[in-house]
Amino acid sequence: GTSAVSPLYSALMMRINGALGRPHGVPLNAWLYQHRGKGFFNDIIQGDNNGYNAGKGWDAASGLGSIDG
């Protein structure tokens, strides 16, 4: 779940930032949201997370969904 994946992606971004010599989080986030719905993520449309329900598109339960990799 998120408790395992979140630190892994944080570490990945730190490695990318270190390799490229500058922060890339803000540009990456903007790019991800501009390209949502184009096959980069599996949309999670069922389930909930502490009272937040998943649905079509971005939602508080699953964000953009899981990465389609």
PDB file of N, CA and C in Angstrom:
ATOM      1  N   GLY A   1       0.809  -1.192   0.000  1.00  0.00           N
ATOM      2  CA  GLY A   1       0.000   0.000   0.000  1.00  0.00           C
ATOM      3  C   GLY A   1       0.848   1.250   0.000  1.00  0.00           C
ATOM      4  N   THR A   2       0.186   2.348   0.304  1.00  0.00           N
ATOM      5  CA  THR A   2       0.868   3.646   0.272  1.00  0.00           C
ATOM      6  C   THR A   2       1.991   3.749   1.283  1.00  0.00           C
ATOM      7  N   SER A   3       1.875   3.049   2.424  1.00  0.00           N
ATOM      8  CA  SER A   3       2.925   3.146   3.434  1.00  0.00           C
ATOM      9  C   SER A   3       4.238   2.533   2.939  1.00  0.00           C
ATOM     10  N   ALA A   4       4.193   1.657   1.981  1.00  0.00           N
ATOM     11  CA  ALA A   4       5.406   1.090   1.402  1.00  0.00           C
ATOM     12  C   ALA A   4       5.852   1.869   0.168  1.00  0.00           C
ATOM     13  N   VAL A   5       4.913   2.242  -0.675  1.00  0.00           N
ATOM     14  CA  VAL A   5       5.250   2.868  -1.958  1.00  0.00           C
ATOM     15  C   VAL A   5       5.678   4.326  -1.807  1.00  0.00           C
ATOM     16  N   SER A   6       5.033   5.050  -0.922  1.00  0.00           N
ATOM     17  CA  SER A   6       5.349   6.473  -0.771  1.00  0.00           C
ATOM     18  C   SER A   6       6.826   6.722  -0.469  1.00  0.00           C
ATOM     19  N   PRO A   7       7.429   6.027   0.509  1.00  0.00           N
ATOM     20  CA  PRO A   7       8.856   6.255   0.748  1.00  0.00           C
ATOM     21  C   PRO A   7       9.734   5.815  -0.422  1.00  0.00           C
ATOM     22  N   LEU A   8       9.313   4.779  -1.145  1.00  0.00           N
ATOM     23  CA  LEU A   8      10.105   4.338  -2.294  1.00  0.00           C
ATOM     24  C   LEU A   8      10.126   5.392  -3.390  1.00  0.00           C
ATOM     25  N   TYR A   9       8.961   6.004  -3.666  1.00  0.00           N
ATOM     26  CA  TYR A   9       8.926   7.055  -4.687  1.00  0.00           C
ATOM     27  C   TYR A   9       9.621   8.322  -4.218  1.00  0.00           C
ATOM     28  N   SER A  10       9.568   8.590  -2.929  1.00  0.00           N
ATOM     29  CA  SER A  10      10.319   9.739  -2.393  1.00  0.00           C
ATOM     30  C   SER A  10      11.810   9.527  -2.609  1.00  0.00           C
ATOM     31  N   ALA A  11      12.279   8.321  -2.325  1.00  0.00           N
ATOM     32  CA  ALA A  11      13.692   8.009  -2.525  1.00  0.00           C
ATOM     33  C   ALA A  11      14.057   8.077  -4.001  1.00  0.00           C
ATOM     34  N   LEU A  12      13.190   7.595  -4.872  1.00  0.00           N
ATOM     35  CA  LEU A  12      13.444   7.669  -6.312  1.00  0.00           C
ATOM     36  C   LEU A  12      13.589   9.121  -6.765  1.00  0.00           C
ATOM     37  N   MET A  13      12.699   9.992  -6.286  1.00  0.00           N
ATOM     38  CA  MET A  13      12.792  11.415  -6.667  1.00  0.00           C
ATOM     39  C   MET A  13      14.081  12.047  -6.132  1.00  0.00           C
ATOM     40  N   MET A  14      14.497  11.666  -4.938  1.00  0.00           N
ATOM     41  CA  MET A  14      15.759  12.191  -4.400  1.00  0.00           C
ATOM     42  C   MET A  14      16.938  11.752  -5.258  1.00  0.00           C
ATOM     43  N   ARG A  15      16.905  10.511  -5.736  1.00  0.00           N
ATOM     44  CA  ARG A  15      17.980  10.024  -6.607  1.00  0.00           C
ATOM     45  C   ARG A  15      17.973  10.761  -7.943  1.00  0.00           C
ATOM     46  N   ILE A  16      16.776  10.987  -8.495  1.00  0.00           N
ATOM     47  CA  ILE A  16      16.670  11.743  -9.757  1.00  0.00           C
ATOM     48  C   ILE A  16      17.184  13.154  -9.554  1.00  0.00           C
ATOM     49  N   ASN A  17      16.744  13.818  -8.479  1.00  0.00           N
ATOM     50  CA  ASN A  17      17.197  15.177  -8.196  1.00  0.00           C
ATOM     51  C   ASN A  17      18.714  15.228  -8.039  1.00  0.00           C
ATOM     52  N   GLY A  18      19.278  14.252  -7.321  1.00  0.00           N
ATOM     53  CA  GLY A  18      20.721  14.218  -7.124  1.00  0.00           C
ATOM     54  C   GLY A  18      21.474  14.001  -8.422  1.00  0.00           C
ATOM     55  N   ALA A  19      20.980  13.111  -9.251  1.00  0.00           N
ATOM     56  CA  ALA A  19      21.650  12.816 -10.524  1.00  0.00           C
ATOM     57  C   ALA A  19      21.594  13.997 -11.487  1.00  0.00           C
ATOM     58  N   LEU A  20      20.479  14.731 -11.465  1.00  0.00           N
ATOM     59  CA  LEU A  20      20.317  15.846 -12.393  1.00  0.00           C
ATOM     60  C   LEU A  20      20.760  17.177 -11.801  1.00  0.00           C
ATOM     61  N   GLY A  21      21.009  17.203 -10.493  1.00  0.00           N
ATOM     62  CA  GLY A  21      21.552  18.395  -9.860  1.00  0.00           C
ATOM     63  C   GLY A  21      20.552  19.478  -9.513  1.00  0.00           C
ATOM     64  N   ARG A  22      19.265  19.188  -9.604  1.00  0.00           N
ATOM     65  CA  ARG A  22      18.251  20.167  -9.213  1.00  0.00           C
ATOM     66  C   ARG A  22      16.928  19.465  -8.959  1.00  0.00           C
ATOM     67  N   PRO A  23      16.013  20.097  -8.206  1.00  0.00           N
ATOM     68  CA  PRO A  23      14.716  19.476  -7.912  1.00  0.00           C
ATOM     69  C   PRO A  23      13.854  19.332  -9.168  1.00  0.00           C
ATOM     70  N   HIS A  24      13.153  18.221  -9.244  1.00  0.00           N
ATOM     71  CA  HIS A  24      12.268  17.980 -10.385  1.00  0.00           C
ATOM     72  C   HIS A  24      10.848  17.631  -9.977  1.00  0.00           C
ATOM     73  N   GLY A  25      10.529  17.692  -8.680  1.00  0.00           N
ATOM     74  CA  GLY A  25       9.210  17.315  -8.194  1.00  0.00           C
ATOM     75  C   GLY A  25       8.087  18.153  -8.759  1.00  0.00           C
ATOM     76  N   VAL A  26       8.231  19.483  -8.738  1.00  0.00           N
ATOM     77  CA  VAL A  26       7.154  20.354  -9.230  1.00  0.00           C
ATOM     78  C   VAL A  26       6.932  20.165 -10.727  1.00  0.00           C
ATOM     79  N   PRO A  27       7.975  20.182 -11.558  1.00  0.00           N
ATOM     80  CA  PRO A  27       7.732  19.940 -12.987  1.00  0.00           C
ATOM     81  C   PRO A  27       7.155  18.551 -13.258  1.00  0.00           C
ATOM     82  N   LEU A  28       7.601  17.552 -12.517  1.00  0.00           N
ATOM     83  CA  LEU A  28       7.083  16.204 -12.720  1.00  0.00           C
ATOM     84  C   LEU A  28       5.609  16.135 -12.346  1.00  0.00           C
ATOM     85  N   ASN A  29       5.235  16.714 -11.207  1.00  0.00           N
ATOM     86  CA  ASN A  29       3.827  16.714 -10.804  1.00  0.00           C
ATOM     87  C   ASN A  29       2.959  17.406 -11.845  1.00  0.00           C
ATOM     88  N   ALA A  30       3.404  18.552 -12.341  1.00  0.00           N
ATOM     89  CA  ALA A  30       2.637  19.264 -13.366  1.00  0.00           C
ATOM     90  C   ALA A  30       2.479  18.399 -14.612  1.00  0.00           C
ATOM     91  N   TRP A  31       3.537  17.725 -15.024  1.00  0.00           N
ATOM     92  CA  TRP A  31       3.485  16.869 -16.208  1.00  0.00           C
ATOM     93  C   TRP A  31       2.511  15.716 -15.993  1.00  0.00           C
ATOM     94  N   LEU A  32       2.567  15.084 -14.805  1.00  0.00           N
ATOM     95  CA  LEU A  32       1.671  13.961 -14.522  1.00  0.00           C
ATOM     96  C   LEU A  32       0.208  14.383 -14.600  1.00  0.00           C
ATOM     97  N   TYR A  33      -0.125  15.532 -14.022  1.00  0.00           N
ATOM     98  CA  TYR A  33      -1.519  15.976 -14.034  1.00  0.00           C
ATOM     99  C   TYR A  33      -1.955  16.430 -15.429  1.00  0.00           C
ATOM    100  N   GLN A  34      -1.045  16.968 -16.228  1.00  0.00           N
ATOM    101  CA  GLN A  34      -1.387  17.348 -17.604  1.00  0.00           C
ATOM    102  C   GLN A  34      -1.663  16.122 -18.462  1.00  0.00           C
ATOM    103  N   HIS A  35      -1.033  15.003 -18.136  1.00  0.00           N
ATOM    104  CA  HIS A  35      -1.149  13.800 -18.954  1.00  0.00           C
ATOM    105  C   HIS A  35      -2.007  12.715 -18.315  1.00  0.00           C
ATOM    106  N   ARG A  36      -2.775  13.072 -17.295  1.00  0.00           N
ATOM    107  CA  ARG A  36      -3.652  12.060 -16.672  1.00  0.00           C
ATOM    108  C   ARG A  36      -4.686  11.604 -17.689  1.00  0.00           C
ATOM    109  N   GLY A  37      -5.070  10.362 -17.576  1.00  0.00           N
ATOM    110  CA  GLY A  37      -6.039   9.800 -18.505  1.00  0.00           C
ATOM    111  C   GLY A  37      -5.442   9.360 -19.828  1.00  0.00           C
ATOM    112  N   LYS A  38      -4.108   9.380 -19.936  1.00  0.00           N
ATOM    113  CA  LYS A  38      -3.464   8.994 -21.202  1.00  0.00           C
ATOM    114  C   LYS A  38      -2.722   7.670 -21.094  1.00  0.00           C
ATOM    115  N   GLY A  39      -3.126   6.814 -20.133  1.00  0.00           N
ATOM    116  CA  GLY A  39      -2.556   5.485 -20.048  1.00  0.00           C
ATOM    117  C   GLY A  39      -1.356   5.319 -19.134  1.00  0.00           C
ATOM    118  N   PHE A  40      -0.968   6.353 -18.393  1.00  0.00           N
ATOM    119  CA  PHE A  40       0.158   6.223 -17.479  1.00  0.00           C
ATOM    120  C   PHE A  40      -0.257   5.615 -16.141  1.00  0.00           C
ATOM    121  N   PHE A  41      -1.551   5.703 -15.829  1.00  0.00           N
ATOM    122  CA  PHE A  41      -2.062   5.218 -14.552  1.00  0.00           C
ATOM    123  C   PHE A  41      -3.273   4.319 -14.762  1.00  0.00           C
ATOM    124  N   ASN A  42      -3.435   3.365 -13.852  1.00  0.00           N
ATOM    125  CA  ASN A  42      -4.652   2.557 -13.793  1.00  0.00           C
ATOM    126  C   ASN A  42      -5.602   3.284 -12.858  1.00  0.00           C
ATOM    127  N   ASP A  43      -6.724   3.731 -13.354  1.00  0.00           N
ATOM    128  CA  ASP A  43      -7.688   4.454 -12.536  1.00  0.00           C
ATOM    129  C   ASP A  43      -8.340   3.492 -11.554  1.00  0.00           C
ATOM    130  N   ILE A  44      -8.256   3.802 -10.276  1.00  0.00           N
ATOM    131  CA  ILE A  44      -8.892   2.997  -9.235  1.00  0.00           C
ATOM    132  C   ILE A  44     -10.290   3.578  -9.039  1.00  0.00           C
ATOM    133  N   ILE A  45     -11.331   2.802  -9.342  1.00  0.00           N
ATOM    134  CA  ILE A  45     -12.691   3.342  -9.313  1.00  0.00           C
ATOM    135  C   ILE A  45     -13.560   2.732  -8.226  1.00  0.00           C
ATOM    136  N   GLN A  46     -13.022   1.739  -7.500  1.00  0.00           N
ATOM    137  CA  GLN A  46     -13.784   1.127  -6.416  1.00  0.00           C
ATOM    138  C   GLN A  46     -12.935   1.076  -5.165  1.00  0.00           C
ATOM    139  N   GLY A  47     -13.588   1.180  -4.010  1.00  0.00           N
ATOM    140  CA  GLY A  47     -12.904   1.074  -2.731  1.00  0.00           C
ATOM    141  C   GLY A  47     -12.928   2.398  -1.997  1.00  0.00           C
ATOM    142  N   ASP A  48     -12.349   2.383  -0.813  1.00  0.00           N
ATOM    143  CA  ASP A  48     -12.293   3.611  -0.019  1.00  0.00           C
ATOM    144  C   ASP A  48     -11.041   3.606   0.844  1.00  0.00           C
ATOM    145  N   ASN A  49     -10.748   4.754   1.425  1.00  0.00           N
ATOM    146  CA  ASN A  49      -9.578   4.931   2.267  1.00  0.00           C
ATOM    147  C   ASN A  49      -9.957   5.872   3.400  1.00  0.00           C
ATOM    148  N   ASN A  50     -10.354   5.323   4.529  1.00  0.00           N
ATOM    149  CA  ASN A  50     -10.738   6.120   5.702  1.00  0.00           C
ATOM    150  C   ASN A  50     -11.827   7.140   5.398  1.00  0.00           C
ATOM    151  N   GLY A  51     -12.875   6.720   4.716  1.00  0.00           N
ATOM    152  CA  GLY A  51     -13.999   7.605   4.445  1.00  0.00           C
ATOM    153  C   GLY A  51     -13.961   8.300   3.101  1.00  0.00           C
ATOM    154  N   TYR A  52     -12.855   8.221   2.380  1.00  0.00           N
ATOM    155  CA  TYR A  52     -12.771   8.797   1.034  1.00  0.00           C
ATOM    156  C   TYR A  52     -13.038   7.678   0.036  1.00  0.00           C
ATOM    157  N   ASN A  53     -13.952   7.896  -0.864  1.00  0.00           N
ATOM    158  CA  ASN A  53     -14.323   6.871  -1.836  1.00  0.00           C
ATOM    159  C   ASN A  53     -13.581   7.060  -3.149  1.00  0.00           C
ATOM    160  N   ALA A  54     -13.164   5.959  -3.739  1.00  0.00           N
ATOM    161  CA  ALA A  54     -12.549   5.994  -5.068  1.00  0.00           C
ATOM    162  C   ALA A  54     -13.637   6.191  -6.109  1.00  0.00           C
ATOM    163  N   GLY A  55     -13.282   6.838  -7.195  1.00  0.00           N
ATOM    164  CA  GLY A  55     -14.205   7.066  -8.291  1.00  0.00           C
ATOM    165  C   GLY A  55     -13.435   7.347  -9.561  1.00  0.00           C
ATOM    166  N   LYS A  56     -14.133   7.622 -10.631  1.00  0.00           N
ATOM    167  CA  LYS A  56     -13.504   7.882 -11.927  1.00  0.00           C
ATOM    168  C   LYS A  56     -12.670   9.155 -11.860  1.00  0.00           C
ATOM    169  N   GLY A  57     -11.454   9.100 -12.389  1.00  0.00           N
ATOM    170  CA  GLY A  57     -10.553  10.246 -12.378  1.00  0.00           C
ATOM    171  C   GLY A  57      -9.855  10.395 -11.037  1.00  0.00           C
ATOM    172  N   TRP A  58      -9.308  11.589 -10.783  1.00  0.00           N
ATOM    173  CA  TRP A  58      -8.609  11.836  -9.524  1.00  0.00           C
ATOM    174  C   TRP A  58      -9.599  11.787  -8.374  1.00  0.00           C
ATOM    175  N   ASP A  59      -9.185  11.190  -7.260  1.00  0.00           N
ATOM    176  CA  ASP A  59      -9.993  11.214  -6.045  1.00  0.00           C
ATOM    177  C   ASP A  59      -9.065  11.142  -4.842  1.00  0.00           C
ATOM    178  N   ALA A  60      -9.602  11.524  -3.673  1.00  0.00           N
ATOM    179  CA  ALA A  60      -8.804  11.567  -2.459  1.00  0.00           C
ATOM    180  C   ALA A  60      -8.405  10.175  -1.979  1.00  0.00           C
ATOM    181  N   ALA A  61      -9.094   9.143  -2.394  1.00  0.00           N
ATOM    182  CA  ALA A  61      -8.763   7.781  -1.961  1.00  0.00           C
ATOM    183  C   ALA A  61      -7.546   7.218  -2.695  1.00  0.00           C
ATOM    184  N   SER A  62      -7.442   7.479  -4.000  1.00  0.00           N
ATOM    185  CA  SER A  62      -6.353   6.848  -4.775  1.00  0.00           C
ATOM    186  C   SER A  62      -5.568   7.819  -5.643  1.00  0.00           C
ATOM    187  N   GLY A  63      -5.847   9.118  -5.541  1.00  0.00           N
ATOM    188  CA  GLY A  63      -5.116  10.087  -6.371  1.00  0.00           C
ATOM    189  C   GLY A  63      -5.360   9.847  -7.843  1.00  0.00           C
ATOM    190  N   LEU A  64      -4.291   9.780  -8.603  1.00  0.00           N
ATOM    191  CA  LEU A  64      -4.400   9.501 -10.035  1.00  0.00           C
ATOM    192  C   LEU A  64      -4.546   8.019 -10.326  1.00  0.00           C
ATOM    193  N   GLY A  65      -4.340   7.176  -9.316  1.00  0.00           N
ATOM    194  CA  GLY A  65      -4.432   5.728  -9.480  1.00  0.00           C
ATOM    195  C   GLY A  65      -3.083   5.075  -9.294  1.00  0.00           C
ATOM    196  N   SER A  66      -2.935   3.856  -9.759  1.00  0.00           N
ATOM    197  CA  SER A  66      -1.645   3.154  -9.666  1.00  0.00           C
ATOM    198  C   SER A  66      -0.913   3.304 -10.989  1.00  0.00           C
ATOM    199  N   ILE A  67       0.399   3.353 -10.904  1.00  0.00           N
ATOM    200  CA  ILE A  67       1.220   3.524 -12.104  1.00  0.00           C
ATOM    201  C   ILE A  67       1.097   2.290 -12.993  1.00  0.00           C
ATOM    202  N   ASP A  68       0.895   2.503 -14.275  1.00  0.00           N
ATOM    203  CA  ASP A  68       0.810   1.421 -15.250  1.00  0.00           C
ATOM    204  C   ASP A  68       2.196   1.237 -15.832  1.00  0.00           C
ATOM    205  N   GLY A  69       2.966   0.358 -15.210  1.00  0.00           N
ATOM    206  CA  GLY A  69       4.342   0.195 -15.620  1.00  0.00           C
ATOM    207  C   GLY A  69       4.723  -1.134 -15.975  1.00  0.00           C
TER     208      GLY A  69
END
